[in-house]
Amino acid sequence: FHKPVNPRHYPAYYEMISHPMDLATIKGKIDKYEYRTADAMLKDFALVKTNAAKFNGNGTMLADEA
């Protein structure tokens, strides 16, 4: 969740997930003032959880942690 998924370690991630998102990317977008609204940032934050559940499976530890 903290940084982008490494494609060398998890190549299938980028086959399953069409819009990757992680906390470091969100922070970078905040630092660059790329979010025009709080809702836009919250949408990316929700995407972190959605991607974790999709890749790892609902009910798994990683999905639950997200």
Protein backbone atom coordinates (compact mmCIF):
# COMPACT_ATOMS: atom_id res chain seq x y z
CA PHE A 1 0.00 0.00 0.00
CA HIS A 2 2.91 2.33 0.74
CA LYS A 3 4.51 2.40 -2.70
CA PRO A 4 3.75 1.15 -6.22
CA VAL A 5 3.67 -2.61 -6.70
CA ASN A 6 6.97 -3.79 -8.20
CA PRO A 7 6.17 -5.29 -11.62
CA ARG A 8 9.23 -7.56 -11.44
CA HIS A 9 7.90 -9.19 -8.27
CA TYR A 10 4.20 -9.18 -9.19
CA PRO A 11 3.79 -8.96 -12.98
CA ALA A 12 0.23 -10.30 -12.77
CA TYR A 13 -0.79 -7.25 -10.74
CA TYR A 14 -0.56 -4.99 -13.76
CA GLU A 15 -2.52 -7.49 -15.84
CA MET A 16 -5.37 -7.51 -13.30
CA ILE A 17 -5.30 -3.89 -12.14
CA SER A 18 -5.95 -1.26 -14.79
CA HIS A 19 -5.62 1.76 -12.47
CA PRO A 20 -2.86 1.13 -9.90
CA MET A 21 -2.78 3.42 -6.86
CA ASP A 22 -0.72 3.53 -3.66
CA LEU A 23 -0.12 5.87 -0.74
CA ALA A 24 3.17 7.25 -2.08
CA THR A 25 1.47 8.24 -5.33
CA ILE A 26 -1.34 9.90 -3.39
CA LYS A 27 1.19 11.82 -1.28
CA GLY A 28 3.05 12.89 -4.41
CA LYS A 29 -0.18 14.16 -5.94
CA ILE A 30 -0.96 16.08 -2.73
CA ASP A 31 2.54 17.60 -2.67
CA LYS A 32 2.13 18.71 -6.30
CA TYR A 33 -1.38 20.10 -5.67
CA GLU A 34 -2.82 17.76 -8.29
CA TYR A 35 -6.05 17.16 -6.40
CA ARG A 36 -8.64 19.83 -7.07
CA THR A 37 -11.04 18.45 -4.45
CA ALA A 38 -10.93 16.29 -1.35
CA ASP A 39 -13.27 13.88 -3.10
CA ALA A 40 -10.68 13.31 -5.84
CA MET A 41 -8.11 12.33 -3.21
CA LEU A 42 -10.62 10.11 -1.42
CA LYS A 43 -11.41 8.40 -4.71
CA ASP A 44 -7.73 7.47 -5.15
CA PHE A 45 -7.58 6.33 -1.51
CA ALA A 46 -10.59 4.05 -2.11
CA LEU A 47 -8.86 2.73 -5.23
CA VAL A 48 -5.99 1.45 -3.04
CA LYS A 49 -8.49 -0.69 -1.12
CA THR A 50 -10.40 -1.79 -4.21
CA ASN A 51 -7.20 -2.85 -5.96
CA ALA A 52 -5.98 -4.76 -2.90
CA ALA A 53 -9.26 -6.65 -2.65
CA LYS A 54 -9.32 -7.41 -6.38
CA PHE A 55 -5.73 -8.65 -6.54
CA ASN A 56 -5.54 -10.48 -3.20
CA GLY A 57 -9.17 -11.54 -2.88
CA ASN A 58 -11.90 -10.26 -0.58
CA GLY A 59 -11.47 -11.40 2.99
CA THR A 60 -7.71 -11.90 2.75
CA MET A 61 -5.41 -10.26 5.27
CA LEU A 62 -4.04 -7.77 2.73
CA ALA A 63 -7.50 -6.80 1.50
CA ASP A 64 -8.67 -6.40 5.09
CA GLU A 65 -5.62 -4.30 5.99
CA ALA A 66 -6.33 -1.98 3.07
